[in-house]
């Protein structure tokens, strides 16, 4: 659970670092957006690195990655709707369903593959 909570926190920072400048800094020089994004990303890494270290104790590398990707989709959906005021499309939902399928395969018993 600690890994998942840290990954949610890191993804919130990551999403703002990657996309928040499109709303708040679109009229500023690119270097300003880069520097602000790097500043936000520092906090993302302060959560991401411990999340991966803790998660590596109980998850395989693939399981850790797909968990992070699913969390990214959830955080991005909330960010898109609440912060950027963009609607979630059917294609986003289909892509999310594909992630659920990926989680199934990465977490299932690999002894029969």
C-alpha atoms as a PDB file:
ATOM      1  CA  UNK A   1       0.000   0.000   0.000  1.00  0.00           C
ATOM      2  CA  UNK A   2       2.889   2.357   0.768  1.00  0.00           C
ATOM      3  CA  UNK A   3       4.201   1.901  -2.776  1.00  0.00           C
ATOM      4  CA  UNK A   4       0.818   2.714  -4.307  1.00  0.00           C
ATOM      5  CA  UNK A   5       0.375   5.847  -2.181  1.00  0.00           C
ATOM      6  CA  UNK A   6       3.867   7.092  -3.032  1.00  0.00           C
ATOM      7  CA  UNK A   7       3.223   6.391  -6.717  1.00  0.00           C
ATOM      8  CA  UNK A   8      -0.020   8.380  -6.592  1.00  0.00           C
ATOM      9  CA  UNK A   9       1.823  11.300  -5.014  1.00  0.00           C
ATOM     10  CA  UNK A  10       4.674  11.153  -7.511  1.00  0.00           C
ATOM     11  CA  UNK A  11       2.248  10.953 -10.436  1.00  0.00           C
ATOM     12  CA  UNK A  12       0.391  14.035  -9.263  1.00  0.00           C
ATOM     13  CA  UNK A  13       3.658  15.996  -9.311  1.00  0.00           C
ATOM     14  CA  UNK A  14       4.717  14.390 -12.607  1.00  0.00           C
ATOM     15  CA  UNK A  15       1.446  15.266 -14.317  1.00  0.00           C
ATOM     16  CA  UNK A  16       1.705  18.909 -13.241  1.00  0.00           C
ATOM     17  CA  UNK A  17       5.368  19.016 -14.299  1.00  0.00           C
ATOM     18  CA  UNK A  18       4.600  17.580 -17.727  1.00  0.00           C
ATOM     19  CA  UNK A  19       1.284  19.269 -18.520  1.00  0.00           C
ATOM     20  CA  UNK A  20       0.526  22.055 -16.033  1.00  0.00           C
ATOM     21  CA  UNK A  21       2.615  24.559 -17.980  1.00  0.00           C
ATOM     22  CA  UNK A  22       0.232  24.185 -20.922  1.00  0.00           C
ATOM     23  CA  UNK A  23      -2.378  26.033 -18.884  1.00  0.00           C
ATOM     24  CA  UNK A  24      -0.375  28.307 -16.591  1.00  0.00           C
ATOM     25  CA  UNK A  25       2.753  29.193 -18.537  1.00  0.00           C
ATOM     26  CA  UNK A  26       1.668  29.058 -22.171  1.00  0.00           C
ATOM     27  CA  UNK A  27       2.495  32.756 -22.641  1.00  0.00           C
ATOM     28  CA  UNK A  28       5.882  32.544 -20.897  1.00  0.00           C
ATOM     29  CA  UNK A  29       9.211  31.731 -22.542  1.00  0.00           C
ATOM     30  CA  UNK A  30       9.959  28.033 -22.934  1.00  0.00           C
ATOM     31  CA  UNK A  31      12.918  28.214 -20.536  1.00  0.00           C
ATOM     32  CA  UNK A  32      10.575  29.370 -17.752  1.00  0.00           C
ATOM     33  CA  UNK A  33       8.261  26.409 -18.365  1.00  0.00           C
ATOM     34  CA  UNK A  34      11.257  24.054 -18.357  1.00  0.00           C
ATOM     35  CA  UNK A  35      12.652  25.414 -15.101  1.00  0.00           C
ATOM     36  CA  UNK A  36       9.285  25.366 -13.359  1.00  0.00           C
ATOM     37  CA  UNK A  37       8.669  21.812 -14.600  1.00  0.00           C
ATOM     38  CA  UNK A  38      12.090  20.694 -13.336  1.00  0.00           C
ATOM     39  CA  UNK A  39      11.309  22.211  -9.948  1.00  0.00           C
ATOM     40  CA  UNK A  40       8.053  20.280  -9.756  1.00  0.00           C
ATOM     41  CA  UNK A  41       9.745  17.113 -11.022  1.00  0.00           C
ATOM     42  CA  UNK A  42      12.183  17.222  -8.097  1.00  0.00           C
ATOM     43  CA  UNK A  43       9.273  16.463  -5.764  1.00  0.00           C
ATOM     44  CA  UNK A  44       8.065  13.755  -8.137  1.00  0.00           C
ATOM     45  CA  UNK A  45      11.445  12.016  -7.901  1.00  0.00           C
ATOM     46  CA  UNK A  46      11.486  12.376  -4.114  1.00  0.00           C
ATOM     47  CA  UNK A  47       8.394  10.153  -4.071  1.00  0.00           C
ATOM     48  CA  UNK A  48       9.060   7.977  -7.138  1.00  0.00           C
ATOM     49  CA  UNK A  49      12.472   6.673  -6.095  1.00  0.00           C
ATOM     50  CA  UNK A  50      11.341   5.488  -2.628  1.00  0.00           C
ATOM     51  CA  UNK A  51       8.163   4.041  -4.178  1.00  0.00           C
ATOM     52  CA  UNK A  52      10.229   1.954  -6.580  1.00  0.00           C
ATOM     53  CA  UNK A  53      12.661   0.817  -3.894  1.00  0.00           C
ATOM     54  CA  UNK A  54       9.865  -0.203  -1.545  1.00  0.00           C
ATOM     55  CA  UNK A  55       7.817  -1.746  -4.348  1.00  0.00           C
ATOM     56  CA  UNK A  56      10.760  -3.773  -5.644  1.00  0.00           C
ATOM     57  CA  UNK A  57      10.615  -5.793  -2.412  1.00  0.00           C
ATOM     58  CA  UNK A  58       7.208  -7.252  -3.267  1.00  0.00           C
ATOM     59  CA  UNK A  59       6.578  -6.592  -6.974  1.00  0.00           C
ATOM     60  CA  UNK A  60       8.468  -7.772 -10.022  1.00  0.00           C
ATOM     61  CA  UNK A  61       9.857  -4.993 -12.197  1.00  0.00           C
ATOM     62  CA  UNK A  62       7.040  -5.499 -14.709  1.00  0.00           C
ATOM     63  CA  UNK A  63       4.386  -5.412 -11.998  1.00  0.00           C
ATOM     64  CA  UNK A  64       5.868  -2.238 -10.582  1.00  0.00           C
ATOM     65  CA  UNK A  65       5.842  -0.604 -14.018  1.00  0.00           C
ATOM     66  CA  UNK A  66       2.267  -1.512 -14.933  1.00  0.00           C
ATOM     67  CA  UNK A  67       1.082  -0.397 -11.489  1.00  0.00           C
ATOM     68  CA  UNK A  68       2.734   2.968 -12.109  1.00  0.00           C
ATOM     69  CA  UNK A  69       1.169   3.234 -15.579  1.00  0.00           C
ATOM     70  CA  UNK A  70      -2.339   2.504 -14.290  1.00  0.00           C
ATOM     71  CA  UNK A  71      -1.892   5.105 -11.562  1.00  0.00           C
ATOM     72  CA  UNK A  72      -0.690   7.539 -14.234  1.00  0.00           C
ATOM     73  CA  UNK A  73      -3.883   6.974 -16.245  1.00  0.00           C
ATOM     74  CA  UNK A  74      -6.049   7.581 -13.169  1.00  0.00           C
ATOM     75  CA  UNK A  75      -4.174  10.735 -12.130  1.00  0.00           C
ATOM     76  CA  UNK A  76      -4.140  12.031 -15.710  1.00  0.00           C
ATOM     77  CA  UNK A  77      -7.902  11.502 -16.080  1.00  0.00           C
ATOM     78  CA  UNK A  78      -8.625  13.464 -12.903  1.00  0.00           C
ATOM     79  CA  UNK A  79      -6.109  16.177 -13.914  1.00  0.00           C
ATOM     80  CA  UNK A  80      -7.637  16.447 -17.401  1.00  0.00           C
ATOM     81  CA  UNK A  81     -11.176  16.857 -16.136  1.00  0.00           C
ATOM     82  CA  UNK A  82     -10.683  18.957 -13.009  1.00  0.00           C
ATOM     83  CA  UNK A  83      -7.649  21.083 -13.862  1.00  0.00           C
ATOM     84  CA  UNK A  84      -7.486  21.310 -17.654  1.00  0.00           C
ATOM     85  CA  UNK A  85     -11.296  21.162 -18.087  1.00  0.00           C
ATOM     86  CA  UNK A  86     -11.032  18.513 -20.827  1.00  0.00           C
ATOM     87  CA  UNK A  87     -13.520  15.716 -21.286  1.00  0.00           C
ATOM     88  CA  UNK A  88     -12.476  12.087 -21.082  1.00  0.00           C
ATOM     89  CA  UNK A  89     -12.991  10.490 -24.483  1.00  0.00           C
ATOM     90  CA  UNK A  90     -14.110   6.993 -25.308  1.00  0.00           C
ATOM     91  CA  UNK A  91     -10.633   6.296 -26.690  1.00  0.00           C
ATOM     92  CA  UNK A  92      -9.127   7.151 -23.292  1.00  0.00           C
ATOM     93  CA  UNK A  93     -11.496   4.658 -21.691  1.00  0.00           C
ATOM     94  CA  UNK A  94     -10.539   1.975 -24.239  1.00  0.00           C
ATOM     95  CA  UNK A  95      -6.851   2.642 -23.579  1.00  0.00           C
ATOM     96  CA  UNK A  96      -7.514   2.318 -19.851  1.00  0.00           C
ATOM     97  CA  UNK A  97      -9.219  -1.014 -20.446  1.00  0.00           C
ATOM     98  CA  UNK A  98      -6.099  -2.178 -22.270  1.00  0.00           C
ATOM     99  CA  UNK A  99      -4.106  -1.258 -19.154  1.00  0.00           C
ATOM    100  CA  UNK A 100      -6.410  -3.433 -17.066  1.00  0.00           C
ATOM    101  CA  UNK A 101      -5.662  -6.282 -19.457  1.00  0.00           C
ATOM    102  CA  UNK A 102      -1.937  -5.586 -19.136  1.00  0.00           C
ATOM    103  CA  UNK A 103      -2.269  -5.704 -15.346  1.00  0.00           C
ATOM    104  CA  UNK A 104      -4.046  -9.047 -15.582  1.00  0.00           C
ATOM    105  CA  UNK A 105      -1.263 -10.587 -17.622  1.00  0.00           C
ATOM    106  CA  UNK A 106       1.610  -9.120 -15.600  1.00  0.00           C
ATOM    107  CA  UNK A 107       0.100 -10.168 -12.257  1.00  0.00           C
ATOM    108  CA  UNK A 108      -1.203 -13.616 -13.189  1.00  0.00           C
ATOM    109  CA  UNK A 109       0.742 -16.713 -12.282  1.00  0.00           C
ATOM    110  CA  UNK A 110       3.600 -16.777 -14.777  1.00  0.00           C
ATOM    111  CA  UNK A 111       4.212 -20.517 -14.301  1.00  0.00           C
ATOM    112  CA  UNK A 112       1.955 -21.424 -17.254  1.00  0.00           C
ATOM    113  CA  UNK A 113       3.152 -18.818 -19.739  1.00  0.00           C
END
